[in-house]
Amino acid sequence: MPRNPFLVGLVVVSFVCVACSSPSSEPTAYDTILRGGTVHDGRGGPPVVADVALSGDRIVAIGDLGDATASREIEVAGRVVAPGFVNMLSWSTDSLVIDGRSQSEIRQGVTLEVFGEGISYGPVDDDMRRFLTGQRPPEIDYDIAWETLGGYLEHLVARGVSPNVASFVGATTVRIHVLGFDDREPTDEELDAMRALVREAMEEGALGVGSSLIYAPAFYAQTPELVALVEEAAAHGGGYISHIRSEGGRLLESIDELITIARETGAWAEIYHLKAAGRSNWNKLDQVIERVEAARAEGLSITADIYTYPAAATGLDAAMPPWVQEGGFETWTARLGDPQIRARVARDMTTPTDAWENLFLEAGPENMLLVSFRNPELRHLSGRTLADVAAERGVAPEQAAMDLVVEDGSRVGAVYFVMSEENVRRKVALPWVSFGSDEASQAPEGLFLEFMPHPRAYGTFARVLGRYVRDEGVMPLEEAIRKLSWLPASTLGLVDRGALEPGYYGDVVVFDPAAIADHATFDDPHRYATGMEWVFVNGVAVLADGEHTGATPGRVVRGPGWTGWSGSAEEE
């Protein structure tokens, strides 16, 4: 059910033709009519063959519009017409500054990108500016001129972006503001300051609080600290979304922590990229599902999102213990120059433990693919495994990992093959699971070609519709569309988005269900998905006949705590 109070009591009637006839003899005129498509409402209802009319930034009519006219009339018989898709976990925070077209996602039908997995691009102080700029490649060079989360989102829109954008406020960002990179609990006064930062972000339109608890310094936050921050979000109608503390050895305990935070705060809560990581943990998925569904039966609003691949992607920091990373990146790499500390880190990396999330052991160096380097002199190693690079250098894999972090001046991007394809298939079909790429939107051109993204950047959403719906029959098409549109939009409490209904914003996609497919691979990731033919954002065509129009009509989509609310949950 929607969490937004403005949606309570809303009566929904699907496929009502509004203004299909006029008192005068003149036919009704619209900006755009999509004629004769197979229309899915986004709520999971059965499809109907109908026309869809757009005027201004809205859907204005659905039905038989035979006598109506439009500036643009598009025949879409045999094509699916659906609401635009929501990317629940986007890392396009930098890439949209570089290229606002969001090519790899627009070509899959994504019309809203949601940021904020632990790190958000506001609020910003000097420490956060150094943190945000310190890890990005030197070719990505722009000034962080804003100070607030709302200011960042407005900056994107002012530059021009094709999709809509929204964000959670990052628990890590808030912690860095007040505690820096220290491993300690906040004092009462410091916790009050952290709550105030969350409150300000919620009033600017943040969707809630996002955390990423396997990484330093987020790892240092204990449950009471998270409860306090989420209480502030919940008071403003927001939720809690989390890369939980463990997806491996302590997966079940970490699910319990998220459920506890939801129960104690009254907030809805979502699990980022739900997974059981590491072969020894694959059998835990049954218990994860049982825990989530028991919480939902209790009345808690617990959901999850996934990407549609059996491999994760993060940095080599996820292969090293959090204690060595305390104090920030420069302190971390300085410690790695001490032989005694390196020896201790190597022991921790190669010793099984439940004290921290050790992806080095969960995957193994032969299943760790190096994909993203800040240092141009190391980029020739992209696409090779850590085991391969270590063997070439004549050192142990754990030593090679430490060396690469120091040499690259970054955490080094890596893909970890830690999941079961069977589990991925099961998660795709769960009714409370939506989708997120956990990647930056990009294009096979220019600066983007310097890096090897996870193929999820180009294929997450098309893979749902092509592989799992059409080819494998994991779920029916109407259910997949619900999980790509209405489910995430209603989870976030968005107003007038996520469904095809007169009065809703004109975020609409048209695709060929026989042709929709992903093509990106781990070896060749810069390949567009195919089959998406038209994409409209706020009534404006950004994809036409399969090609980007260059239009940038994206807007800031804000949460229910926005103090600028005046009848719409976003700024016109």
Protein backbone atom coordinates (compact mmCIF):
# COMPACT_ATOMS: atom_id res chain seq x y z
CA MET A 1 0.00 0.00 0.00
CA PRO A 2 1.19 3.57 -0.64
CA ARG A 3 2.77 5.26 2.34
CA ASN A 4 2.02 8.78 1.15
CA PRO A 5 -0.86 10.31 3.14
CA PHE A 6 -2.09 12.17 0.07
CA LEU A 7 -2.89 8.82 -1.58
CA VAL A 8 -5.00 7.44 1.26
CA GLY A 9 -8.56 6.84 0.13
CA LEU A 10 -7.76 7.36 -3.52
CA VAL A 11 -10.21 5.49 -5.74
CA VAL A 12 -8.45 4.09 -8.78
CA VAL A 13 -10.30 3.40 -12.01
CA SER A 14 -7.99 2.07 -14.71
CA PHE A 15 -8.28 2.95 -18.39
CA VAL A 16 -10.93 5.61 -18.14
CA CYS A 17 -11.12 7.78 -21.20
CA VAL A 18 -11.07 11.39 -20.08
CA ALA A 19 -12.07 14.08 -22.59
CA CYS A 20 -12.59 11.52 -25.37
CA SER A 21 -15.36 13.67 -26.74
CA SER A 22 -16.03 17.36 -26.76
CA PRO A 23 -19.30 19.33 -26.55
CA SER A 24 -18.30 20.98 -29.80
CA SER A 25 -18.12 19.23 -33.15
CA GLU A 26 -14.35 19.57 -33.17
CA PRO A 27 -12.38 16.47 -32.12
CA THR A 28 -10.22 16.72 -29.00
CA ALA A 29 -6.58 17.58 -29.72
CA TYR A 30 -3.62 16.32 -27.72
CA ASP A 31 0.14 16.64 -27.88
CA THR A 32 0.77 12.91 -28.43
CA ILE A 33 -1.42 9.87 -29.03
CA LEU A 34 -0.02 6.34 -28.81
CA ARG A 35 -2.50 4.35 -30.88
CA GLY A 36 -3.56 0.75 -30.51
CA GLY A 37 -0.93 -0.52 -28.07
CA THR A 38 -1.30 -3.23 -25.47
CA VAL A 39 -1.69 -1.05 -22.41
CA HIS A 40 -0.56 -2.20 -18.96
CA ASP A 41 -1.73 -0.05 -16.06
CA GLY A 42 1.34 -0.82 -13.93
CA ARG A 43 -0.72 -2.08 -11.01
CA GLY A 44 -0.73 -5.66 -12.28
CA GLY A 45 -4.12 -5.56 -13.95
CA PRO A 46 -4.81 -7.35 -17.24
CA PRO A 47 -3.69 -5.45 -20.33
CA VAL A 48 -6.14 -3.88 -22.78
CA VAL A 49 -5.75 -2.61 -26.31
CA ALA A 50 -6.24 1.15 -26.11
CA ASP A 51 -4.96 4.56 -27.14
CA VAL A 52 -2.99 6.72 -24.70
CA ALA A 53 -2.95 10.51 -24.98
CA LEU A 54 -0.41 12.89 -23.47
CA SER A 55 -0.69 16.66 -23.16
CA GLY A 56 1.78 18.86 -21.36
CA ASP A 57 3.48 16.77 -18.71
CA ARG A 58 0.52 14.44 -18.06
CA ILE A 59 -1.35 11.42 -19.26
CA VAL A 60 -4.76 12.86 -20.11
CA ALA A 61 -6.76 10.05 -21.71
CA ILE A 62 -6.75 6.29 -22.12
CA GLY A 63 -9.30 4.49 -24.23
CA ASP A 64 -10.74 4.61 -27.74
CA LEU A 65 -9.58 7.99 -29.01
CA GLY A 66 -10.52 7.35 -32.62
CA ASP A 67 -11.78 10.86 -33.38
CA ALA A 68 -9.10 12.70 -31.44
CA THR A 69 -6.07 14.32 -33.07
CA ALA A 70 -2.58 15.07 -31.84
CA SER A 71 0.52 16.91 -32.92
CA ARG A 72 2.25 13.52 -32.91
CA GLU A 73 0.35 10.27 -33.50
CA ILE A 74 2.31 7.04 -33.14
CA GLU A 75 1.04 3.61 -34.20
CA VAL A 76 2.09 1.12 -31.54
CA ALA A 77 -0.07 -1.91 -32.33
CA GLY A 78 1.63 -5.08 -31.12
CA ARG A 79 3.76 -3.09 -28.68
CA VAL A 80 3.48 -2.87 -24.91
CA VAL A 81 2.64 0.54 -23.44
CA ALA A 82 3.54 0.79 -19.73
CA PRO A 83 4.47 3.26 -17.01
CA GLY A 84 8.11 4.34 -16.90
CA PHE A 85 10.40 2.17 -14.81
CA VAL A 86 11.96 3.11 -11.46
CA ASN A 87 15.63 2.36 -10.75
CA MET A 88 15.59 1.92 -6.97
CA LEU A 89 19.39 1.95 -6.73
CA SER A 90 21.20 4.22 -9.15
CA TRP A 91 24.81 5.37 -8.92
CA SER A 92 24.42 7.96 -11.69
CA THR A 93 25.36 10.70 -9.25
CA ASP A 94 28.49 11.58 -11.24
CA SER A 95 27.59 10.17 -14.65
CA LEU A 96 24.55 12.43 -15.04
CA VAL A 97 26.82 15.41 -14.48
CA ILE A 98 29.02 14.14 -17.32
CA ASP A 99 26.17 13.13 -19.63
CA GLY A 100 22.61 13.97 -18.68
CA ARG A 101 21.09 11.74 -21.36
CA SER A 102 21.30 8.61 -19.17
CA GLN A 103 21.58 6.54 -22.32
CA SER A 104 22.02 3.05 -20.91
CA GLU A 105 18.96 3.40 -18.69
CA ILE A 106 16.65 5.44 -20.93
CA ARG A 107 17.10 2.71 -23.55
CA GLN A 108 15.70 0.26 -21.01
CA GLY A 109 12.73 2.41 -20.04
CA VAL A 110 14.02 3.92 -16.76
CA THR A 111 12.32 7.27 -16.15
CA LEU A 112 13.28 7.76 -12.46
CA GLU A 113 16.72 7.20 -10.93
CA VAL A 114 16.93 6.99 -7.13
CA PHE A 115 20.23 7.69 -5.32
CA GLY A 116 21.47 7.44 -1.74
CA GLU A 117 22.96 4.03 -0.86
CA GLY A 118 24.70 5.22 2.29
CA ILE A 119 26.41 8.08 0.50
CA SER A 120 24.31 10.98 -0.75
CA TYR A 121 25.53 14.07 -2.59
CA GLY A 122 24.25 16.33 0.15
CA PRO A 123 24.52 17.66 2.73
CA VAL A 124 28.06 18.66 1.79
CA ASP A 125 30.80 20.17 3.94
CA ASP A 126 34.56 20.29 3.35
CA ASP A 127 35.08 16.69 4.56
CA MET A 128 32.37 15.44 2.23
CA ARG A 129 33.77 17.43 -0.70
CA ARG A 130 37.15 15.77 -0.19
CA PHE A 131 35.51 12.38 0.17
CA LEU A 132 33.36 12.70 -2.96
CA THR A 133 36.14 14.04 -5.16
CA GLY A 134 38.94 11.86 -3.80
CA GLN A 135 37.72 8.57 -5.26
CA ARG A 136 36.57 9.64 -8.69
CA PRO A 137 38.88 9.45 -11.72
CA PRO A 138 40.83 12.62 -12.50
CA GLU A 139 38.97 12.94 -15.81
CA ILE A 140 35.76 13.57 -13.86
CA ASP A 141 36.47 17.10 -12.75
CA TYR A 142 33.72 19.45 -11.62
CA ASP A 143 33.15 21.72 -8.68
CA ILE A 144 30.73 20.69 -5.95
CA ALA A 145 29.08 24.07 -5.71
CA TRP A 146 26.04 23.00 -3.69
CA GLU A 147 25.73 22.39 0.06
CA THR A 148 22.46 20.51 0.44
CA LEU A 149 20.92 17.36 -1.00
CA GLY A 150 18.17 19.43 -2.58
CA GLY A 151 20.82 21.69 -4.07
CA TYR A 152 22.53 18.71 -5.73
CA LEU A 153 19.32 17.45 -7.31
CA GLU A 154 18.44 20.93 -8.51
CA HIS A 155 21.97 21.24 -9.95
CA LEU A 156 21.40 18.11 -12.06
CA VAL A 157 18.09 19.36 -13.39
CA ALA A 158 19.51 22.81 -14.13
CA ARG A 159 22.24 21.16 -16.22
CA GLY A 160 19.63 19.06 -17.99
CA VAL A 161 18.90 15.36 -17.42
CA SER A 162 16.65 13.02 -19.34
CA PRO A 163 15.29 10.99 -16.38
CA ASN A 164 13.68 12.21 -13.20
CA VAL A 165 15.92 12.09 -10.12
CA ALA A 166 15.36 11.51 -6.42
CA SER A 167 17.49 10.57 -3.42
CA PHE A 168 17.66 9.24 0.09
CA VAL A 169 19.92 11.03 2.54
CA GLY A 170 22.92 8.83 3.29
CA ALA A 171 23.52 7.68 6.85
CA THR A 172 27.22 7.56 6.00
CA THR A 173 27.13 11.14 4.76
CA VAL A 174 25.47 12.29 7.96
CA ARG A 175 28.00 10.35 10.06
CA ILE A 176 30.99 11.84 8.22
CA HIS A 177 29.57 15.33 8.80
CA VAL A 178 29.51 14.87 12.56
CA LEU A 179 31.98 12.10 13.43
CA GLY A 180 34.34 12.04 10.49
CA PHE A 181 35.76 8.57 9.89
CA ASP A 182 36.14 7.57 13.55
CA ASP A 183 35.03 4.22 14.93
CA ARG A 184 32.99 5.38 17.92
CA GLU A 185 29.45 6.05 19.03
CA PRO A 186 28.10 9.62 18.86
CA THR A 187 27.48 11.58 22.03
CA ASP A 188 23.92 12.73 22.70
CA GLU A 189 24.78 16.15 21.29
CA GLU A 190 26.36 14.63 18.19
CA LEU A 191 23.36 12.38 17.63
CA ASP A 192 21.10 15.42 17.87
CA ALA A 193 23.23 17.09 15.19
CA MET A 194 22.94 14.02 12.97
CA ARG A 195 19.17 13.95 13.43
CA ALA A 196 19.02 17.62 12.49
CA LEU A 197 20.85 16.89 9.21
CA VAL A 198 18.34 14.15 8.41
CA ARG A 199 15.46 16.47 9.25
CA GLU A 200 16.80 19.16 6.94
CA ALA A 201 17.26 16.68 4.11
CA MET A 202 13.73 15.34 4.56
CA GLU A 203 12.36 18.89 4.37
CA GLU A 204 14.31 19.28 1.10
CA GLY A 205 12.55 16.20 -0.28
CA ALA A 206 14.73 13.23 0.65
CA LEU A 207 12.85 9.93 0.45
CA GLY A 208 14.24 8.66 3.74
CA VAL A 209 17.55 7.40 5.13
CA GLY A 210 19.84 5.08 3.16
CA SER A 211 22.66 3.05 4.71
CA SER A 212 25.48 0.79 3.49
CA LEU A 213 26.63 -1.05 6.56
CA ILE A 214 29.44 -3.29 5.29
CA TYR A 215 31.66 -0.30 4.46
CA ALA A 216 33.71 1.93 6.74
CA PRO A 217 32.70 4.29 8.30
CA ALA A 218 29.08 3.12 8.02
CA PHE A 219 30.15 -0.20 9.58
CA TYR A 220 30.85 1.62 12.84
CA ALA A 221 27.23 2.73 13.32
CA GLN A 222 25.30 0.62 15.82
CA THR A 223 21.58 -0.10 15.66
CA PRO A 224 20.48 2.64 18.14
CA GLU A 225 22.21 5.28 16.00
CA LEU A 226 20.35 4.05 12.91
CA VAL A 227 17.05 3.96 14.81
CA ALA A 228 17.50 7.59 15.82
CA LEU A 229 18.13 8.71 12.23
CA VAL A 230 15.26 6.67 10.81
CA GLU A 231 12.90 8.02 13.48
CA GLU A 232 13.56 11.47 12.05
CA ALA A 233 12.83 10.25 8.51
CA ALA A 234 9.67 8.45 9.60
CA ALA A 235 8.38 11.61 11.28
CA HIS A 236 8.48 13.20 7.82
CA GLY A 237 6.82 10.29 6.00
CA GLY A 238 10.09 8.74 4.83
CA GLY A 239 11.54 5.25 5.03
CA TYR A 240 14.74 3.31 5.55
CA ILE A 241 16.65 1.53 2.79
CA SER A 242 19.80 -0.43 3.53
CA HIS A 243 22.73 -2.37 2.19
CA ILE A 244 22.42 -4.54 5.27
CA ARG A 245 25.31 -5.29 7.62
CA SER A 246 25.98 -8.72 6.13
CA GLU A 247 24.81 -10.54 3.03
CA GLY A 248 26.87 -13.60 3.91
CA GLY A 249 27.72 -15.22 7.24
CA ARG A 250 25.40 -12.98 9.31
CA LEU A 251 22.73 -12.49 6.65
CA LEU A 252 19.82 -13.56 8.85
CA GLU A 253 20.91 -11.42 11.77
CA SER A 254 21.24 -8.45 9.41
CA ILE A 255 17.72 -8.98 8.06
CA ASP A 256 16.56 -9.02 11.68
CA GLU A 257 18.32 -5.70 12.32
CA LEU A 258 16.51 -4.03 9.41
CA ILE A 259 13.16 -5.41 10.60
CA THR A 260 13.89 -4.20 14.14
CA ILE A 261 14.61 -0.69 12.85
CA ALA A 262 11.32 -0.70 10.94
CA ARG A 263 9.41 -1.97 13.97
CA GLU A 264 10.94 0.55 16.40
CA THR A 265 10.54 3.57 14.13
CA GLY A 266 7.33 2.81 12.27
CA ALA A 267 9.15 3.45 8.98
CA TRP A 268 8.82 1.32 5.89
CA ALA A 269 12.09 -0.44 5.13
CA GLU A 270 13.71 -1.89 2.02
CA ILE A 271 16.68 -4.21 1.58
CA TYR A 272 19.09 -3.04 -1.11
CA HIS A 273 20.07 -5.70 -3.70
CA LEU A 274 18.83 -8.64 -1.66
CA LYS A 275 21.27 -11.55 -1.92
CA ALA A 276 22.79 -14.54 -0.16
CA ALA A 277 26.48 -14.03 -0.90
CA GLY A 278 28.89 -16.96 -0.92
CA ARG A 279 28.12 -20.59 -1.72
CA SER A 280 27.91 -21.54 1.96
CA ASN A 281 25.08 -19.01 2.38
CA TRP A 282 22.97 -19.75 -0.70
CA ASN A 283 20.65 -22.02 1.29
CA LYS A 284 19.74 -19.13 3.61
CA LEU A 285 17.44 -17.53 1.05
CA ASP A 286 14.47 -19.60 2.27
CA GLN A 287 14.93 -18.24 5.78
CA VAL A 288 15.33 -14.69 4.47
CA ILE A 289 12.03 -14.95 2.63
CA GLU A 290 10.35 -16.42 5.71
CA ARG A 291 11.59 -13.57 7.91
CA VAL A 292 10.50 -10.86 5.49
CA GLU A 293 7.09 -12.39 4.89
CA ALA A 294 6.52 -12.89 8.63
CA ALA A 295 7.30 -9.20 9.18
CA ARG A 296 4.95 -8.23 6.37
CA ALA A 297 2.22 -10.41 7.91
CA GLU A 298 2.84 -8.56 11.18
CA GLY A 299 1.94 -5.34 9.36
CA LEU A 300 5.44 -3.99 8.73
CA SER A 301 6.18 -2.59 5.28
CA ILE A 302 9.29 -4.54 4.29
CA THR A 303 10.37 -4.75 0.65
CA ALA A 304 13.57 -5.36 -1.32
CA ASP A 305 15.19 -4.67 -4.66
CA ILE A 306 17.63 -6.71 -6.74
CA TYR A 307 19.71 -6.58 -9.90
CA THR A 308 19.29 -9.50 -12.26
CA TYR A 309 22.79 -11.02 -12.22
CA PRO A 310 24.67 -13.57 -10.07
CA ALA A 311 27.64 -11.26 -9.48
CA ALA A 312 27.98 -8.19 -7.25
CA ALA A 313 30.21 -5.19 -7.85
CA THR A 314 31.88 -2.95 -5.31
CA GLY A 315 35.46 -2.11 -4.33
CA LEU A 316 38.42 -3.94 -2.85
CA ASP A 317 37.56 -2.21 0.43
CA ALA A 318 34.91 -4.94 0.80
CA ALA A 319 37.77 -7.47 0.84
CA MET A 320 39.61 -5.81 3.76
CA PRO A 321 38.69 -5.45 7.45
CA PRO A 322 36.97 -2.22 8.52
CA TRP A 323 39.48 -1.52 11.30
CA VAL A 324 42.25 -0.78 8.80
CA GLN A 325 40.02 1.73 7.03
CA GLU A 326 39.20 3.84 10.09
CA GLY A 327 40.14 7.47 9.56
CA GLY A 328 39.47 7.63 5.83
CA PHE A 329 41.24 6.62 2.65
CA GLU A 330 44.57 8.37 3.20
CA THR A 331 44.90 6.89 6.68
CA TRP A 332 43.95 3.47 5.32
CA THR A 333 46.60 3.51 2.59
CA ALA A 334 49.22 4.86 4.99
CA ARG A 335 48.59 1.88 7.27
CA LEU A 336 49.05 -0.44 4.32
CA GLY A 337 52.61 0.85 4.10
CA ASP A 338 53.41 -0.66 7.50
CA PRO A 339 54.64 -4.29 7.12
CA GLN A 340 53.21 -5.35 10.49
CA ILE A 341 49.80 -3.91 9.70
CA ARG A 342 49.87 -5.50 6.23
CA ALA A 343 50.56 -8.87 7.82
CA ARG A 344 47.60 -8.45 10.15
CA VAL A 345 45.34 -7.36 7.26
CA ALA A 346 46.46 -10.38 5.22
CA ARG A 347 45.60 -12.70 8.14
CA ASP A 348 42.17 -11.12 8.52
CA MET A 349 41.47 -11.35 4.78
CA THR A 350 42.25 -15.07 4.73
CA THR A 351 40.63 -16.08 8.04
CA PRO A 352 36.90 -16.93 8.18
CA THR A 353 34.96 -14.58 10.44
CA ASP A 354 31.49 -13.25 11.15
CA ALA A 355 32.90 -10.00 12.55
CA TRP A 356 32.85 -8.27 9.15
CA GLU A 357 31.71 -8.97 5.60
CA ASN A 358 34.73 -10.58 3.94
CA LEU A 359 34.04 -10.71 0.21
CA PHE A 360 37.63 -11.84 -0.40
CA LEU A 361 36.73 -15.21 1.11
CA GLU A 362 33.10 -15.27 -0.04
CA ALA A 363 34.15 -14.97 -3.68
CA GLY A 364 37.79 -16.07 -3.79
CA PRO A 365 40.42 -14.16 -5.81
CA GLU A 366 39.73 -16.28 -8.92
CA ASN A 367 36.15 -14.95 -8.86
CA MET A 368 37.08 -11.29 -8.31
CA LEU A 369 37.15 -9.38 -11.60
CA LEU A 370 38.98 -6.03 -11.56
CA VAL A 371 36.96 -3.49 -13.53
CA SER A 372 37.57 0.11 -12.49
CA PHE A 373 40.81 1.98 -11.83
CA ARG A 374 41.37 5.65 -11.05
CA ASN A 375 45.01 5.52 -12.20
CA PRO A 376 45.21 5.38 -16.02
CA GLU A 377 48.43 3.38 -15.78
CA LEU A 378 46.54 0.49 -14.17
CA ARG A 379 43.55 0.40 -16.49
CA HIS A 380 45.16 -2.27 -18.67
CA LEU A 381 44.34 -4.65 -15.78
CA SER A 382 40.59 -4.14 -16.26
CA GLY A 383 38.80 -7.36 -17.05
CA ARG A 384 41.36 -9.58 -15.31
CA THR A 385 40.87 -11.50 -12.07
CA LEU A 386 42.70 -10.64 -8.88
CA ALA A 387 44.16 -14.16 -8.89
CA ASP A 388 45.56 -13.62 -12.39
CA VAL A 389 47.12 -10.25 -11.54
CA ALA A 390 48.59 -11.64 -8.32
CA ALA A 391 50.16 -14.56 -10.17
CA GLU A 392 51.65 -12.21 -12.77
CA ARG A 393 53.15 -10.09 -9.99
CA GLY A 394 54.39 -13.10 -8.08
CA VAL A 395 52.58 -12.21 -4.83
CA ALA A 396 49.68 -13.63 -2.83
CA PRO A 397 46.23 -12.34 -3.89
CA GLU A 398 45.67 -10.53 -0.59
CA GLN A 399 48.98 -8.70 -1.04
CA ALA A 400 48.06 -7.81 -4.62
CA ALA A 401 44.76 -6.35 -3.43
CA MET A 402 46.52 -4.10 -0.93
CA ASP A 403 49.11 -3.07 -3.51
CA LEU A 404 46.45 -2.15 -6.06
CA VAL A 405 44.53 0.06 -3.62
CA VAL A 406 47.72 1.96 -2.80
CA GLU A 407 48.89 2.24 -6.42
CA ASP A 408 45.47 3.30 -7.71
CA GLY A 409 44.69 5.82 -5.01
CA SER A 410 41.19 4.39 -4.79
CA ARG A 411 39.29 1.41 -3.46
CA VAL A 412 39.51 -0.16 -6.99
CA GLY A 413 36.26 -1.36 -8.56
CA ALA A 414 35.74 -5.12 -8.64
CA VAL A 415 33.06 -7.63 -9.60
CA TYR A 416 32.52 -10.50 -7.15
CA PHE A 417 30.88 -13.70 -8.39
CA VAL A 418 29.15 -14.72 -5.15
CA MET A 419 25.52 -15.56 -5.99
CA SER A 420 23.44 -18.46 -7.27
CA GLU A 421 21.54 -18.06 -10.55
CA GLU A 422 18.77 -20.22 -9.08
CA ASN A 423 18.43 -17.76 -6.20
CA VAL A 424 18.37 -14.83 -8.63
CA ARG A 425 15.48 -16.46 -10.48
CA ARG A 426 13.59 -17.01 -7.22
CA LYS A 427 14.07 -13.39 -6.12
CA VAL A 428 12.92 -12.03 -9.48
CA ALA A 429 9.49 -13.58 -8.88
CA LEU A 430 8.94 -12.41 -5.29
CA PRO A 431 5.96 -10.03 -5.20
CA TRP A 432 7.68 -7.57 -2.84
CA VAL A 433 10.89 -7.24 -4.87
CA SER A 434 11.57 -4.39 -7.32
CA PHE A 435 14.74 -3.66 -9.30
CA GLY A 436 17.83 -1.44 -9.19
CA SER A 437 20.94 -1.39 -11.32
CA ASP A 438 23.39 -0.44 -8.52
CA GLU A 439 25.38 1.18 -11.34
CA ALA A 440 25.90 4.47 -13.12
CA SER A 441 23.96 5.15 -16.27
CA GLN A 442 26.39 5.58 -19.15
CA ALA A 443 27.05 5.21 -22.86
CA PRO A 444 29.54 3.30 -25.07
CA GLU A 445 31.47 6.44 -25.90
CA GLY A 446 34.01 8.92 -24.56
CA LEU A 447 35.15 8.73 -20.97
CA PHE A 448 32.83 5.82 -20.18
CA LEU A 449 34.92 3.52 -22.35
CA GLU A 450 37.86 3.98 -19.95
CA PHE A 451 36.09 1.71 -17.45
CA MET A 452 34.42 -1.70 -17.43
CA PRO A 453 31.08 -1.43 -15.64
CA HIS A 454 29.08 -4.37 -14.42
CA PRO A 455 26.70 -5.33 -17.28
CA ARG A 456 23.81 -4.40 -14.99
CA ALA A 457 24.44 -0.78 -16.06
CA TYR A 458 23.12 -1.64 -19.52
CA GLY A 459 20.89 -4.62 -18.90
CA THR A 460 19.16 -4.89 -15.50
CA PHE A 461 15.66 -3.88 -16.59
CA ALA A 462 15.65 -5.29 -20.11
CA ARG A 463 16.87 -8.58 -18.62
CA VAL A 464 13.74 -8.76 -16.44
CA LEU A 465 11.46 -8.47 -19.46
CA GLY A 466 13.49 -10.49 -21.94
CA ARG A 467 15.20 -13.30 -20.08
CA TYR A 468 12.99 -13.80 -17.04
CA VAL A 469 9.54 -13.00 -18.46
CA ARG A 470 9.61 -13.93 -22.14
CA ASP A 471 12.34 -16.57 -22.30
CA GLU A 472 12.06 -18.34 -18.95
CA GLY A 473 8.48 -17.57 -17.89
CA VAL A 474 9.48 -16.77 -14.30
CA MET A 475 6.51 -14.40 -13.97
CA PRO A 476 3.82 -12.91 -16.25
CA LEU A 477 4.47 -9.64 -18.02
CA GLU A 478 1.86 -7.66 -16.08
CA GLU A 479 3.53 -8.69 -12.80
CA ALA A 480 6.97 -7.71 -14.09
CA ILE A 481 5.67 -4.28 -15.12
CA ARG A 482 4.07 -3.82 -11.69
CA LYS A 483 7.42 -4.59 -10.06
CA LEU A 484 9.20 -2.16 -12.39
CA SER A 485 6.77 0.72 -11.88
CA TRP A 486 3.94 0.78 -9.36
CA LEU A 487 5.65 -1.28 -6.65
CA PRO A 488 8.70 1.00 -6.28
CA ALA A 489 6.69 4.19 -6.81
CA SER A 490 4.17 3.24 -4.13
CA THR A 491 6.92 2.05 -1.80
CA LEU A 492 8.50 5.50 -2.07
CA GLY A 493 5.13 7.19 -1.56
CA LEU A 494 5.30 9.08 -4.85
CA VAL A 495 2.33 11.10 -6.04
CA ASP A 496 1.03 10.67 -9.61
CA ARG A 497 3.80 8.35 -10.77
CA GLY A 498 4.15 4.62 -11.29
CA ALA A 499 0.91 3.90 -13.16
CA LEU A 500 -0.80 4.63 -16.46
CA GLU A 501 -3.78 6.69 -15.38
CA PRO A 502 -5.25 10.01 -16.54
CA GLY A 503 -3.80 12.76 -14.37
CA TYR A 504 -0.53 10.95 -13.74
CA TYR A 505 2.75 12.33 -15.05
CA GLY A 506 3.60 11.35 -18.59
CA ASP A 507 6.33 8.83 -17.79
CA VAL A 508 5.49 6.22 -20.42
CA VAL A 509 7.43 3.50 -22.23
CA VAL A 510 6.68 1.55 -25.41
CA PHE A 511 8.56 -1.67 -26.18
CA ASP A 512 8.42 -4.73 -28.38
CA PRO A 513 7.88 -7.71 -26.03
CA ALA A 514 9.35 -10.08 -28.62
CA ALA A 515 12.55 -8.05 -29.00
CA ILE A 516 13.32 -6.57 -25.59
CA ALA A 517 16.68 -7.98 -24.51
CA ASP A 518 19.93 -7.22 -22.74
CA HIS A 519 23.25 -7.69 -24.57
CA ALA A 520 25.91 -6.47 -22.13
CA THR A 521 28.26 -9.12 -20.74
CA PHE A 522 31.04 -9.13 -18.16
CA ASP A 523 33.58 -9.30 -21.00
CA ASP A 524 31.81 -6.75 -23.19
CA PRO A 525 29.64 -4.57 -20.93
CA HIS A 526 29.20 -1.45 -23.09
CA ARG A 527 26.31 -2.78 -25.16
CA TYR A 528 22.86 -1.22 -25.21
CA ALA A 529 19.72 -3.23 -24.57
CA THR A 530 17.31 -3.43 -27.52
CA GLY A 531 13.55 -3.54 -27.96
CA MET A 532 12.64 -0.28 -26.19
CA GLU A 533 11.15 2.00 -28.87
CA TRP A 534 9.65 5.06 -27.17
CA VAL A 535 10.24 6.62 -23.77
CA PHE A 536 8.45 9.71 -22.51
CA VAL A 537 9.49 11.62 -19.38
CA ASN A 538 7.00 14.21 -18.14
CA GLY A 539 5.27 13.99 -21.52
CA VAL A 540 8.43 14.63 -23.57
CA ALA A 541 9.89 11.98 -25.88
CA VAL A 542 13.47 11.17 -24.86
CA LEU A 543 13.61 7.98 -26.95
CA ALA A 544 11.94 7.91 -30.38
CA ASP A 545 12.02 4.85 -32.62
CA GLY A 546 14.78 3.45 -30.44
CA GLU A 547 17.07 6.50 -30.62
CA HIS A 548 17.72 9.15 -28.00
CA THR A 549 16.23 12.52 -28.91
CA GLY A 550 18.62 14.54 -26.76
CA ALA A 551 15.73 15.92 -24.70
CA THR A 552 16.35 16.51 -21.00
CA PRO A 553 12.94 16.99 -19.33
CA GLY A 554 13.86 15.25 -16.06
CA ARG A 555 12.75 16.79 -12.78
CA VAL A 556 13.46 16.46 -9.10
CA VAL A 557 11.02 14.03 -7.50
CA ARG A 558 10.70 14.73 -3.80
CA GLY A 559 9.47 12.75 -0.83
CA PRO A 560 6.47 13.53 1.37
CA GLY A 561 8.47 15.56 3.90
CA TRP A 562 9.25 18.30 1.41
CA THR A 563 8.26 21.63 2.96
CA GLY A 564 7.73 23.17 -0.47
CA TRP A 565 4.75 20.89 -1.08
CA SER A 566 1.80 22.74 -2.58
CA GLY A 567 -0.36 20.07 -4.18
CA SER A 568 2.41 18.09 -5.86
CA ALA A 569 5.31 16.14 -4.39
CA GLU A 570 7.80 17.71 -6.75
CA GLU A 571 8.91 21.08 -7.98
CA GLU A 572 7.44 22.21 -11.26
